[in-house]
Amino acid sequence: MHTRTNEEREFLKNIKPEISREDLVAQLRRLHLTREEKAALNEMSRKTIVVGGKVVQLGLWLMETVINIARRFPCTCAGAVVGLAIFFLIGSIPLIGPLLAVVAGPIIALITVGMGLMQDLGFQVQAMVNDTIRRYS
């Protein structure tokens, strides 16, 4: 069993989700997922751990973090999903697939996630330019 260091304990003690359970459930309802997928995410959000006698809502904090990242960087998340799918397809090629996946997997991940990140950052830069133009027009 893993024993936690003092730094890990302090980090875990300070985790405080900013989202309420009701808000998370409302956000999960709006997602285009199957009922089973939503139930699994809701169940994951209920996971807690005890650190130093304090109950930490680790699952709720993790779900909040994932939703915030996906909302802020949607193209990056899509790039990660596409890269993962390509990685699995390459890995399924008979005989040479596993070797190709090991070599090409990280490269594909960098390319697809990088393309998504460029799209996300491009949108943010465009929004900043538009705000600046409106402010000084």
C-alpha atoms as a PDB file:
ATOM      1  CA  MET A   1       0.000   0.000   0.000  1.00  0.00           C
ATOM      2  CA  HIS A   2       1.216   3.493  -0.849  1.00  0.00           C
ATOM      3  CA  THR A   3       2.074   5.708   2.099  1.00  0.00           C
ATOM      4  CA  ARG A   4       1.499   9.391   1.538  1.00  0.00           C
ATOM      5  CA  THR A   5       4.196  11.981   2.010  1.00  0.00           C
ATOM      6  CA  ASN A   6       3.535  15.132   4.027  1.00  0.00           C
ATOM      7  CA  GLU A   7       3.270  17.150   0.799  1.00  0.00           C
ATOM      8  CA  GLU A   8       0.633  14.773  -0.577  1.00  0.00           C
ATOM      9  CA  ARG A   9      -1.336  14.913   2.672  1.00  0.00           C
ATOM     10  CA  GLU A  10      -1.294  18.712   2.699  1.00  0.00           C
ATOM     11  CA  PHE A  11      -2.342  18.881  -0.948  1.00  0.00           C
ATOM     12  CA  LEU A  12      -5.215  16.464  -0.397  1.00  0.00           C
ATOM     13  CA  LYS A  13      -6.374  18.261   2.766  1.00  0.00           C
ATOM     14  CA  ASN A  14      -6.630  21.533   0.848  1.00  0.00           C
ATOM     15  CA  ILE A  15      -8.813  20.151  -1.974  1.00  0.00           C
ATOM     16  CA  LYS A  16     -12.143  21.923  -1.831  1.00  0.00           C
ATOM     17  CA  PRO A  17     -14.464  21.570  -4.825  1.00  0.00           C
ATOM     18  CA  GLU A  18     -16.075  24.854  -5.840  1.00  0.00           C
ATOM     19  CA  ILE A  19     -19.004  23.109  -7.506  1.00  0.00           C
ATOM     20  CA  SER A  20     -21.945  21.675  -5.602  1.00  0.00           C
ATOM     21  CA  ARG A  21     -23.211  18.168  -6.224  1.00  0.00           C
ATOM     22  CA  GLU A  22     -26.449  19.622  -7.654  1.00  0.00           C
ATOM     23  CA  ASP A  23     -24.534  21.792 -10.134  1.00  0.00           C
ATOM     24  CA  LEU A  24     -22.470  18.804 -11.244  1.00  0.00           C
ATOM     25  CA  VAL A  25     -25.589  16.691 -11.774  1.00  0.00           C
ATOM     26  CA  ALA A  26     -27.142  19.528 -13.807  1.00  0.00           C
ATOM     27  CA  GLN A  27     -23.993  19.768 -15.948  1.00  0.00           C
ATOM     28  CA  LEU A  28     -23.932  16.000 -16.456  1.00  0.00           C
ATOM     29  CA  ARG A  29     -27.559  16.083 -17.621  1.00  0.00           C
ATOM     30  CA  ARG A  30     -26.662  18.583 -20.349  1.00  0.00           C
ATOM     31  CA  LEU A  31     -23.876  16.384 -21.762  1.00  0.00           C
ATOM     32  CA  HIS A  32     -24.576  14.282 -24.844  1.00  0.00           C
ATOM     33  CA  LEU A  33     -23.764  10.982 -23.168  1.00  0.00           C
ATOM     34  CA  THR A  34     -25.686   7.788 -22.577  1.00  0.00           C
ATOM     35  CA  ARG A  35     -27.513   7.251 -19.303  1.00  0.00           C
ATOM     36  CA  GLU A  36     -24.912   4.652 -18.269  1.00  0.00           C
ATOM     37  CA  GLU A  37     -21.999   7.019 -18.950  1.00  0.00           C
ATOM     38  CA  LYS A  38     -23.655   9.777 -16.921  1.00  0.00           C
ATOM     39  CA  ALA A  39     -24.294   7.327 -14.075  1.00  0.00           C
ATOM     40  CA  ALA A  40     -20.644   6.234 -14.116  1.00  0.00           C
ATOM     41  CA  LEU A  41     -19.427   9.848 -14.015  1.00  0.00           C
ATOM     42  CA  ASN A  42     -21.846  10.628 -11.189  1.00  0.00           C
ATOM     43  CA  GLU A  43     -20.633   7.570  -9.267  1.00  0.00           C
ATOM     44  CA  MET A  44     -17.015   8.621  -9.807  1.00  0.00           C
ATOM     45  CA  SER A  45     -17.819  12.082  -8.439  1.00  0.00           C
ATOM     46  CA  ARG A  46     -18.988  10.525  -5.159  1.00  0.00           C
ATOM     47  CA  LYS A  47     -15.558   9.066  -4.311  1.00  0.00           C
ATOM     48  CA  THR A  48     -14.060  10.380  -1.095  1.00  0.00           C
ATOM     49  CA  ILE A  49     -10.888   9.715   0.866  1.00  0.00           C
ATOM     50  CA  VAL A  50      -9.959  10.383   4.471  1.00  0.00           C
ATOM     51  CA  VAL A  51      -6.753  12.341   5.041  1.00  0.00           C
ATOM     52  CA  GLY A  52      -5.717  13.234   8.553  1.00  0.00           C
ATOM     53  CA  GLY A  53      -9.231  12.655   9.884  1.00  0.00           C
ATOM     54  CA  LYS A  54     -10.744  14.935   7.219  1.00  0.00           C
ATOM     55  CA  VAL A  55     -13.071  13.657   4.482  1.00  0.00           C
ATOM     56  CA  VAL A  56     -11.953  14.947   1.077  1.00  0.00           C
ATOM     57  CA  GLN A  57     -14.361  14.907  -1.873  1.00  0.00           C
ATOM     58  CA  LEU A  58     -11.720  13.854  -4.355  1.00  0.00           C
ATOM     59  CA  GLY A  59     -14.160  12.577  -7.003  1.00  0.00           C
ATOM     60  CA  LEU A  60     -16.187  15.788  -7.065  1.00  0.00           C
ATOM     61  CA  TRP A  61     -13.018  17.876  -7.325  1.00  0.00           C
ATOM     62  CA  LEU A  62     -11.679  15.657 -10.128  1.00  0.00           C
ATOM     63  CA  MET A  63     -14.939  15.856 -12.121  1.00  0.00           C
ATOM     64  CA  GLU A  64     -15.014  19.643 -11.655  1.00  0.00           C
ATOM     65  CA  THR A  65     -11.434  19.888 -12.934  1.00  0.00           C
ATOM     66  CA  VAL A  66     -12.114  17.705 -15.976  1.00  0.00           C
ATOM     67  CA  ILE A  67     -15.266  19.662 -16.884  1.00  0.00           C
ATOM     68  CA  ASN A  68     -13.436  22.986 -16.517  1.00  0.00           C
ATOM     69  CA  ILE A  69     -10.560  21.830 -18.721  1.00  0.00           C
ATOM     70  CA  ALA A  70     -12.938  20.433 -21.350  1.00  0.00           C
ATOM     71  CA  ARG A  71     -14.949  23.668 -21.334  1.00  0.00           C
ATOM     72  CA  ARG A  72     -11.880  25.884 -21.576  1.00  0.00           C
ATOM     73  CA  PHE A  73      -9.979  23.782 -24.141  1.00  0.00           C
ATOM     74  CA  PRO A  74     -12.568  21.862 -26.211  1.00  0.00           C
ATOM     75  CA  CYS A  75     -10.421  21.474 -29.330  1.00  0.00           C
ATOM     76  CA  THR A  76      -7.480  20.209 -27.281  1.00  0.00           C
ATOM     77  CA  CYS A  77      -9.708  17.561 -25.689  1.00  0.00           C
ATOM     78  CA  ALA A  78     -11.043  16.585 -29.115  1.00  0.00           C
ATOM     79  CA  GLY A  79      -7.467  16.336 -30.394  1.00  0.00           C
ATOM     80  CA  ALA A  80      -6.579  14.045 -27.502  1.00  0.00           C
ATOM     81  CA  VAL A  81      -9.548  11.785 -28.282  1.00  0.00           C
ATOM     82  CA  VAL A  82      -8.671  11.661 -31.995  1.00  0.00           C
ATOM     83  CA  GLY A  83      -5.013  10.941 -31.199  1.00  0.00           C
ATOM     84  CA  LEU A  84      -6.009   8.140 -28.837  1.00  0.00           C
ATOM     85  CA  ALA A  85      -8.304   6.612 -31.447  1.00  0.00           C
ATOM     86  CA  ILE A  86      -5.543   6.713 -34.081  1.00  0.00           C
ATOM     87  CA  PHE A  87      -3.120   5.200 -31.563  1.00  0.00           C
ATOM     88  CA  PHE A  88      -5.480   2.270 -30.928  1.00  0.00           C
ATOM     89  CA  LEU A  89      -6.096   1.768 -34.647  1.00  0.00           C
ATOM     90  CA  ILE A  90      -2.375   1.664 -35.369  1.00  0.00           C
ATOM     91  CA  GLY A  91      -1.825  -0.707 -32.468  1.00  0.00           C
ATOM     92  CA  SER A  92      -4.407  -3.126 -33.875  1.00  0.00           C
ATOM     93  CA  ILE A  93      -2.452  -3.723 -37.124  1.00  0.00           C
ATOM     94  CA  PRO A  94      -1.309  -7.362 -37.082  1.00  0.00           C
ATOM     95  CA  LEU A  95       2.383  -8.028 -36.411  1.00  0.00           C
ATOM     96  CA  ILE A  96       3.803  -4.508 -36.762  1.00  0.00           C
ATOM     97  CA  GLY A  97       1.018  -2.594 -34.990  1.00  0.00           C
ATOM     98  CA  PRO A  98       2.419  -2.742 -31.446  1.00  0.00           C
ATOM     99  CA  LEU A  99       5.844  -1.579 -32.619  1.00  0.00           C
ATOM    100  CA  LEU A 100       4.354   1.229 -34.724  1.00  0.00           C
ATOM    101  CA  ALA A 101       2.119   2.296 -31.838  1.00  0.00           C
ATOM    102  CA  VAL A 102       5.097   2.625 -29.508  1.00  0.00           C
ATOM    103  CA  VAL A 103       7.015   4.720 -32.028  1.00  0.00           C
ATOM    104  CA  ALA A 104       4.191   6.714 -33.622  1.00  0.00           C
ATOM    105  CA  GLY A 105       1.887   7.054 -30.592  1.00  0.00           C
ATOM    106  CA  PRO A 106       3.708   9.936 -28.880  1.00  0.00           C
ATOM    107  CA  ILE A 107       4.185  11.735 -32.199  1.00  0.00           C
ATOM    108  CA  ILE A 108       0.506  11.404 -33.069  1.00  0.00           C
ATOM    109  CA  ALA A 109      -0.458  12.597 -29.593  1.00  0.00           C
ATOM    110  CA  LEU A 110       1.755  15.668 -29.929  1.00  0.00           C
ATOM    111  CA  ILE A 111       0.347  16.497 -33.343  1.00  0.00           C
ATOM    112  CA  THR A 112      -3.362  16.033 -32.552  1.00  0.00           C
ATOM    113  CA  VAL A 113      -3.262  17.658 -29.110  1.00  0.00           C
ATOM    114  CA  GLY A 114      -1.045  20.431 -30.477  1.00  0.00           C
ATOM    115  CA  MET A 115      -3.451  21.143 -33.335  1.00  0.00           C
ATOM    116  CA  GLY A 116      -6.327  21.326 -30.870  1.00  0.00           C
ATOM    117  CA  LEU A 117      -4.386  23.597 -28.554  1.00  0.00           C
ATOM    118  CA  MET A 118      -3.520  25.914 -31.425  1.00  0.00           C
ATOM    119  CA  GLN A 119      -7.223  26.130 -32.249  1.00  0.00           C
ATOM    120  CA  ASP A 120      -8.151  26.840 -28.626  1.00  0.00           C
ATOM    121  CA  LEU A 121      -5.465  29.457 -28.142  1.00  0.00           C
ATOM    122  CA  GLY A 122      -6.336  30.995 -31.496  1.00  0.00           C
ATOM    123  CA  PHE A 123      -9.936  31.464 -30.352  1.00  0.00           C
ATOM    124  CA  GLN A 124      -8.747  33.082 -27.119  1.00  0.00           C
ATOM    125  CA  VAL A 125      -6.405  35.435 -28.946  1.00  0.00           C
ATOM    126  CA  GLN A 126      -9.181  36.350 -31.377  1.00  0.00           C
ATOM    127  CA  ALA A 127     -11.539  37.084 -28.455  1.00  0.00           C
ATOM    128  CA  MET A 128      -8.877  39.262 -26.794  1.00  0.00           C
ATOM    129  CA  VAL A 129      -8.364  41.221 -30.028  1.00  0.00           C
ATOM    130  CA  ASN A 130     -12.109  41.727 -30.445  1.00  0.00           C
ATOM    131  CA  ASP A 131     -12.449  42.915 -26.835  1.00  0.00           C
ATOM    132  CA  THR A 132      -9.583  45.338 -27.315  1.00  0.00           C
ATOM    133  CA  ILE A 133     -11.089  46.699 -30.531  1.00  0.00           C
ATOM    134  CA  ARG A 134     -14.476  47.181 -28.848  1.00  0.00           C
ATOM    135  CA  ARG A 135     -12.874  48.860 -25.853  1.00  0.00           C
ATOM    136  CA  TYR A 136     -10.975  51.429 -27.921  1.00  0.00           C
ATOM    137  CA  SER A 137     -13.482  52.021 -30.726  1.00  0.00           C
END
